[in-house]
Amino acid sequence: MVEIILLVGIIASVFVGFNIGGSSTGIAWGPPVGAGIVKKTTAAAIMTVFVFLGGWTVGRNVGTSRPV
């Protein structure tokens, strides 16, 4: 039973995270992709690199009470 609840929680969190990221990404990358300046896969790759870079550099201090 615990495994089922865990699986449902993981699926729900992935769904919510994907939708939160999609709302920000669509605004940022919609115009260049729509204008044909970059492909969707290129935009996704650039976004992925910078999301992980931001999480690694600044993200450590998000949600913590320790001073920077």
PDB file of N, CA and C in Angstrom:
ATOM      1  N   MET A   1       0.819  -1.202   0.000  1.00  0.00           N
ATOM      2  CA  MET A   1       0.000   0.000   0.000  1.00  0.00           C
ATOM      3  C   MET A   1       0.860   1.261   0.000  1.00  0.00           C
ATOM      4  N   VAL A   2       1.944   1.228   0.763  1.00  0.00           N
ATOM      5  CA  VAL A   2       2.832   2.389   0.830  1.00  0.00           C
ATOM      6  C   VAL A   2       3.459   2.655  -0.536  1.00  0.00           C
ATOM      7  N   GLU A   3       3.788   1.580  -1.257  1.00  0.00           N
ATOM      8  CA  GLU A   3       4.395   1.729  -2.577  1.00  0.00           C
ATOM      9  C   GLU A   3       3.433   2.418  -3.549  1.00  0.00           C
ATOM     10  N   ILE A   4       2.166   2.087  -3.463  1.00  0.00           N
ATOM     11  CA  ILE A   4       1.163   2.698  -4.347  1.00  0.00           C
ATOM     12  C   ILE A   4       1.031   4.186  -4.035  1.00  0.00           C
ATOM     13  N   ILE A   5       0.981   4.529  -2.759  1.00  0.00           N
ATOM     14  CA  ILE A   5       0.870   5.937  -2.365  1.00  0.00           C
ATOM     15  C   ILE A   5       2.118   6.706  -2.807  1.00  0.00           C
ATOM     16  N   LEU A   6       3.292   6.088  -2.650  1.00  0.00           N
ATOM     17  CA  LEU A   6       4.531   6.724  -3.090  1.00  0.00           C
ATOM     18  C   LEU A   6       4.530   6.941  -4.594  1.00  0.00           C
ATOM     19  N   LEU A   7       4.097   5.950  -5.344  1.00  0.00           N
ATOM     20  CA  LEU A   7       4.041   6.070  -6.797  1.00  0.00           C
ATOM     21  C   LEU A   7       3.074   7.177  -7.229  1.00  0.00           C
ATOM     22  N   VAL A   8       1.912   7.238  -6.603  1.00  0.00           N
ATOM     23  CA  VAL A   8       0.947   8.295  -6.913  1.00  0.00           C
ATOM     24  C   VAL A   8       1.532   9.670  -6.584  1.00  0.00           C
ATOM     25  N   GLY A   9       2.222   9.783  -5.464  1.00  0.00           N
ATOM     26  CA  GLY A   9       2.855  11.047  -5.089  1.00  0.00           C
ATOM     27  C   GLY A   9       3.932  11.474  -6.070  1.00  0.00           C
ATOM     28  N   ILE A  10       4.735  10.529  -6.520  1.00  0.00           N
ATOM     29  CA  ILE A  10       5.784  10.850  -7.493  1.00  0.00           C
ATOM     30  C   ILE A  10       5.176  11.287  -8.819  1.00  0.00           C
ATOM     31  N   ILE A  11       4.171  10.586  -9.271  1.00  0.00           N
ATOM     32  CA  ILE A  11       3.509  10.953 -10.537  1.00  0.00           C
ATOM     33  C   ILE A  11       2.885  12.343 -10.430  1.00  0.00           C
ATOM     34  N   ALA A  12       2.229  12.621  -9.313  1.00  0.00           N
ATOM     35  CA  ALA A  12       1.618  13.940  -9.127  1.00  0.00           C
ATOM     36  C   ALA A  12       2.670  15.043  -9.077  1.00  0.00           C
ATOM     37  N   SER A  13       3.784  14.797  -8.411  1.00  0.00           N
ATOM     38  CA  SER A  13       4.817  15.829  -8.317  1.00  0.00           C
ATOM     39  C   SER A  13       5.482  16.075  -9.660  1.00  0.00           C
ATOM     40  N   VAL A  14       5.690  15.034 -10.450  1.00  0.00           N
ATOM     41  CA  VAL A  14       6.257  15.213 -11.789  1.00  0.00           C
ATOM     42  C   VAL A  14       5.282  16.004 -12.657  1.00  0.00           C
ATOM     43  N   PHE A  15       4.000  15.692 -12.559  1.00  0.00           N
ATOM     44  CA  PHE A  15       2.986  16.411 -13.338  1.00  0.00           C
ATOM     45  C   PHE A  15       2.958  17.895 -12.973  1.00  0.00           C
ATOM     46  N   VAL A  16       2.962  18.192 -11.680  1.00  0.00           N
ATOM     47  CA  VAL A  16       2.925  19.588 -11.240  1.00  0.00           C
ATOM     48  C   VAL A  16       4.204  20.311 -11.642  1.00  0.00           C
ATOM     49  N   GLY A  17       5.354  19.686 -11.426  1.00  0.00           N
ATOM     50  CA  GLY A  17       6.620  20.311 -11.806  1.00  0.00           C
ATOM     51  C   GLY A  17       6.718  20.570 -13.293  1.00  0.00           C
ATOM     52  N   PHE A  18       6.249  19.628 -14.095  1.00  0.00           N
ATOM     53  CA  PHE A  18       6.269  19.800 -15.543  1.00  0.00           C
ATOM     54  C   PHE A  18       5.396  20.977 -15.963  1.00  0.00           C
ATOM     55  N   ASN A  19       4.223  21.112 -15.357  1.00  0.00           N
ATOM     56  CA  ASN A  19       3.319  22.202 -15.710  1.00  0.00           C
ATOM     57  C   ASN A  19       3.828  23.557 -15.230  1.00  0.00           C
ATOM     58  N   ILE A  20       4.440  23.603 -14.053  1.00  0.00           N
ATOM     59  CA  ILE A  20       5.010  24.863 -13.580  1.00  0.00           C
ATOM     60  C   ILE A  20       6.144  25.297 -14.501  1.00  0.00           C
ATOM     61  N   GLY A  21       7.016  24.367 -14.848  1.00  0.00           N
ATOM     62  CA  GLY A  21       8.115  24.689 -15.756  1.00  0.00           C
ATOM     63  C   GLY A  21       7.623  25.057 -17.143  1.00  0.00           C
ATOM     64  N   GLY A  22       6.584  24.382 -17.593  1.00  0.00           N
ATOM     65  CA  GLY A  22       6.051  24.658 -18.925  1.00  0.00           C
ATOM     66  C   GLY A  22       5.458  26.038 -19.057  1.00  0.00           C
ATOM     67  N   SER A  23       4.852  26.554 -17.991  1.00  0.00           N
ATOM     68  CA  SER A  23       4.259  27.886 -18.076  1.00  0.00           C
ATOM     69  C   SER A  23       5.338  28.959 -18.193  1.00  0.00           C
ATOM     70  N   SER A  24       6.458  28.766 -17.538  1.00  0.00           N
ATOM     71  CA  SER A  24       7.555  29.735 -17.646  1.00  0.00           C
ATOM     72  C   SER A  24       8.303  29.584 -18.963  1.00  0.00           C
ATOM     73  N   THR A  25       8.489  28.355 -19.372  1.00  0.00           N
ATOM     74  CA  THR A  25       9.251  28.087 -20.590  1.00  0.00           C
ATOM     75  C   THR A  25       8.507  28.557 -21.831  1.00  0.00           C
ATOM     76  N   GLY A  26       7.198  28.372 -21.839  1.00  0.00           N
ATOM     77  CA  GLY A  26       6.414  28.789 -23.002  1.00  0.00           C
ATOM     78  C   GLY A  26       6.506  30.281 -23.264  1.00  0.00           C
ATOM     79  N   ILE A  27       6.502  31.058 -22.202  1.00  0.00           N
ATOM     80  CA  ILE A  27       6.612  32.504 -22.353  1.00  0.00           C
ATOM     81  C   ILE A  27       7.994  32.901 -22.851  1.00  0.00           C
ATOM     82  N   ALA A  28       9.016  32.232 -22.319  1.00  0.00           N
ATOM     83  CA  ALA A  28      10.390  32.584 -22.681  1.00  0.00           C
ATOM     84  C   ALA A  28      10.784  32.096 -24.073  1.00  0.00           C
ATOM     85  N   TRP A  29      10.380  30.884 -24.429  1.00  0.00           N
ATOM     86  CA  TRP A  29      10.846  30.281 -25.676  1.00  0.00           C
ATOM     87  C   TRP A  29       9.808  30.263 -26.792  1.00  0.00           C
ATOM     88  N   GLY A  30       8.585  30.663 -26.514  1.00  0.00           N
ATOM     89  CA  GLY A  30       7.555  30.666 -27.550  1.00  0.00           C
ATOM     90  C   GLY A  30       7.871  31.554 -28.743  1.00  0.00           C
ATOM     91  N   PRO A  31       8.244  32.821 -28.522  1.00  0.00           N
ATOM     92  CA  PRO A  31       8.543  33.689 -29.664  1.00  0.00           C
ATOM     93  C   PRO A  31       9.714  33.233 -30.536  1.00  0.00           C
ATOM     94  N   PRO A  32      10.876  32.845 -29.960  1.00  0.00           N
ATOM     95  CA  PRO A  32      11.960  32.397 -30.836  1.00  0.00           C
ATOM     96  C   PRO A  32      11.637  31.115 -31.589  1.00  0.00           C
ATOM     97  N   VAL A  33      10.926  30.187 -30.944  1.00  0.00           N
ATOM     98  CA  VAL A  33      10.560  28.951 -31.630  1.00  0.00           C
ATOM     99  C   VAL A  33       9.508  29.241 -32.692  1.00  0.00           C
ATOM    100  N   GLY A  34       8.537  30.081 -32.377  1.00  0.00           N
ATOM    101  CA  GLY A  34       7.498  30.430 -33.340  1.00  0.00           C
ATOM    102  C   GLY A  34       8.037  31.182 -34.538  1.00  0.00           C
ATOM    103  N   ALA A  35       9.067  31.988 -34.327  1.00  0.00           N
ATOM    104  CA  ALA A  35       9.673  32.742 -35.428  1.00  0.00           C
ATOM    105  C   ALA A  35      10.643  31.900 -36.242  1.00  0.00           C
ATOM    106  N   GLY A  36      10.912  30.694 -35.780  1.00  0.00           N
ATOM    107  CA  GLY A  36      11.808  29.809 -36.512  1.00  0.00           C
ATOM    108  C   GLY A  36      13.285  30.096 -36.260  1.00  0.00           C
ATOM    109  N   ILE A  37      13.592  30.849 -35.220  1.00  0.00           N
ATOM    110  CA  ILE A  37      14.984  31.172 -34.914  1.00  0.00           C
ATOM    111  C   ILE A  37      15.693  29.969 -34.306  1.00  0.00           C
ATOM    112  N   VAL A  38      15.009  29.257 -33.419  1.00  0.00           N
ATOM    113  CA  VAL A  38      15.549  28.028 -32.831  1.00  0.00           C
ATOM    114  C   VAL A  38      14.512  26.922 -32.946  1.00  0.00           C
ATOM    115  N   LYS A  39      14.991  25.686 -32.934  1.00  0.00           N
ATOM    116  CA  LYS A  39      14.084  24.546 -32.963  1.00  0.00           C
ATOM    117  C   LYS A  39      13.608  24.249 -31.547  1.00  0.00           C
ATOM    118  N   LYS A  40      12.518  23.497 -31.449  1.00  0.00           N
ATOM    119  CA  LYS A  40      11.994  23.133 -30.127  1.00  0.00           C
ATOM    120  C   LYS A  40      13.006  22.318 -29.334  1.00  0.00           C
ATOM    121  N   THR A  41      13.699  21.420 -29.998  1.00  0.00           N
ATOM    122  CA  THR A  41      14.683  20.598 -29.291  1.00  0.00           C
ATOM    123  C   THR A  41      15.862  21.423 -28.793  1.00  0.00           C
ATOM    124  N   THR A  42      16.272  22.421 -29.571  1.00  0.00           N
ATOM    125  CA  THR A  42      17.360  23.298 -29.141  1.00  0.00           C
ATOM    126  C   THR A  42      16.926  24.130 -27.942  1.00  0.00           C
ATOM    127  N   ALA A  43      15.726  24.659 -27.995  1.00  0.00           N
ATOM    128  CA  ALA A  43      15.208  25.432 -26.862  1.00  0.00           C
ATOM    129  C   ALA A  43      15.114  24.571 -25.614  1.00  0.00           C
ATOM    130  N   ALA A  44      14.661  23.348 -25.760  1.00  0.00           N
ATOM    131  CA  ALA A  44      14.565  22.444 -24.618  1.00  0.00           C
ATOM    132  C   ALA A  44      15.940  22.112 -24.052  1.00  0.00           C
ATOM    133  N   ALA A  45      16.918  21.917 -24.925  1.00  0.00           N
ATOM    134  CA  ALA A  45      18.272  21.608 -24.463  1.00  0.00           C
ATOM    135  C   ALA A  45      18.888  22.792 -23.723  1.00  0.00           C
ATOM    136  N   ILE A  46      18.737  23.991 -24.261  1.00  0.00           N
ATOM    137  CA  ILE A  46      19.280  25.182 -23.599  1.00  0.00           C
ATOM    138  C   ILE A  46      18.600  25.397 -22.257  1.00  0.00           C
ATOM    139  N   MET A  47      17.282  25.248 -22.227  1.00  0.00           N
ATOM    140  CA  MET A  47      16.543  25.419 -20.986  1.00  0.00           C
ATOM    141  C   MET A  47      16.996  24.397 -19.946  1.00  0.00           C
ATOM    142  N   THR A  48      17.175  23.160 -20.350  1.00  0.00           N
ATOM    143  CA  THR A  48      17.593  22.114 -19.427  1.00  0.00           C
ATOM    144  C   THR A  48      18.957  22.406 -18.825  1.00  0.00           C
ATOM    145  N   VAL A  49      19.897  22.833 -19.659  1.00  0.00           N
ATOM    146  CA  VAL A  49      21.243  23.158 -19.167  1.00  0.00           C
ATOM    147  C   VAL A  49      21.179  24.268 -18.128  1.00  0.00           C
ATOM    148  N   PHE A  50      20.437  25.322 -18.419  1.00  0.00           N
ATOM    149  CA  PHE A  50      20.400  26.451 -17.500  1.00  0.00           C
ATOM    150  C   PHE A  50      19.568  26.178 -16.249  1.00  0.00           C
ATOM    151  N   VAL A  51      18.572  25.313 -16.334  1.00  0.00           N
ATOM    152  CA  VAL A  51      17.827  24.923 -15.135  1.00  0.00           C
ATOM    153  C   VAL A  51      18.751  24.186 -14.170  1.00  0.00           C
ATOM    154  N   PHE A  52      19.513  23.230 -14.691  1.00  0.00           N
ATOM    155  CA  PHE A  52      20.437  22.495 -13.821  1.00  0.00           C
ATOM    156  C   PHE A  52      21.576  23.385 -13.328  1.00  0.00           C
ATOM    157  N   LEU A  53      22.063  24.295 -14.167  1.00  0.00           N
ATOM    158  CA  LEU A  53      23.112  25.224 -13.745  1.00  0.00           C
ATOM    159  C   LEU A  53      22.600  26.137 -12.629  1.00  0.00           C
ATOM    160  N   GLY A  54      21.404  26.653 -12.766  1.00  0.00           N
ATOM    161  CA  GLY A  54      20.821  27.500 -11.729  1.00  0.00           C
ATOM    162  C   GLY A  54      20.553  26.734 -10.447  1.00  0.00           C
ATOM    163  N   GLY A  55      20.100  25.495 -10.572  1.00  0.00           N
ATOM    164  CA  GLY A  55      19.876  24.678  -9.391  1.00  0.00           C
ATOM    165  C   GLY A  55      21.164  24.355  -8.670  1.00  0.00           C
ATOM    166  N   TRP A  56      22.223  24.178  -9.415  1.00  0.00           N
ATOM    167  CA  TRP A  56      23.508  23.835  -8.808  1.00  0.00           C
ATOM    168  C   TRP A  56      24.165  25.047  -8.155  1.00  0.00           C
ATOM    169  N   THR A  57      24.041  26.222  -8.770  1.00  0.00           N
ATOM    170  CA  THR A  57      24.724  27.409  -8.243  1.00  0.00           C
ATOM    171  C   THR A  57      23.888  28.139  -7.199  1.00  0.00           C
ATOM    172  N   VAL A  58      22.685  28.528  -7.524  1.00  0.00           N
ATOM    173  CA  VAL A  58      21.867  29.334  -6.634  1.00  0.00           C
ATOM    174  C   VAL A  58      20.867  28.486  -5.861  1.00  0.00           C
ATOM    175  N   GLY A  59      20.462  27.386  -6.428  1.00  0.00           N
ATOM    176  CA  GLY A  59      19.405  26.572  -5.854  1.00  0.00           C
ATOM    177  C   GLY A  59      19.701  25.981  -4.494  1.00  0.00           C
ATOM    178  N   ARG A  60      20.969  25.863  -4.149  1.00  0.00           N
ATOM    179  CA  ARG A  60      21.313  25.308  -2.833  1.00  0.00           C
ATOM    180  C   ARG A  60      20.803  26.156  -1.696  1.00  0.00           C
ATOM    181  N   ASN A  61      20.691  27.454  -1.917  1.00  0.00           N
ATOM    182  CA  ASN A  61      20.281  28.364  -0.866  1.00  0.00           C
ATOM    183  C   ASN A  61      18.776  28.657  -0.887  1.00  0.00           C
ATOM    184  N   VAL A  62      18.057  28.078  -1.791  1.00  0.00           N
ATOM    185  CA  VAL A  62      16.619  28.304  -1.854  1.00  0.00           C
ATOM    186  C   VAL A  62      15.938  27.475  -0.768  1.00  0.00           C
ATOM    187  N   GLY A  63      15.144  28.133   0.041  1.00  0.00           N
ATOM    188  CA  GLY A  63      14.405  27.444   1.069  1.00  0.00           C
ATOM    189  C   GLY A  63      15.196  27.136   2.317  1.00  0.00           C
ATOM    190  N   THR A  64      16.368  27.697   2.435  1.00  0.00           N
ATOM    191  CA  THR A  64      17.146  27.488   3.661  1.00  0.00           C
ATOM    192  C   THR A  64      17.231  28.803   4.426  1.00  0.00           C
ATOM    193  N   SER A  65      17.496  28.693   5.703  1.00  0.00           N
ATOM    194  CA  SER A  65      17.571  29.896   6.522  1.00  0.00           C
ATOM    195  C   SER A  65      19.003  30.332   6.776  1.00  0.00           C
ATOM    196  N   ARG A  66      19.962  29.627   6.184  1.00  0.00           N
ATOM    197  CA  ARG A  66      21.347  30.009   6.410  1.00  0.00           C
ATOM    198  C   ARG A  66      21.742  31.188   5.532  1.00  0.00           C
ATOM    199  N   PRO A  67      22.620  32.047   5.989  1.00  0.00           N
ATOM    200  CA  PRO A  67      23.027  33.195   5.173  1.00  0.00           C
ATOM    201  C   PRO A  67      23.898  32.767   4.004  1.00  0.00           C
ATOM    202  N   VAL A  68      23.860  33.545   2.958  1.00  0.00           N
ATOM    203  CA  VAL A  68      24.615  33.236   1.754  1.00  0.00           C
ATOM    204  C   VAL A  68      26.060  33.563   1.921  1.00  0.00           C
TER     205      VAL A  68
END
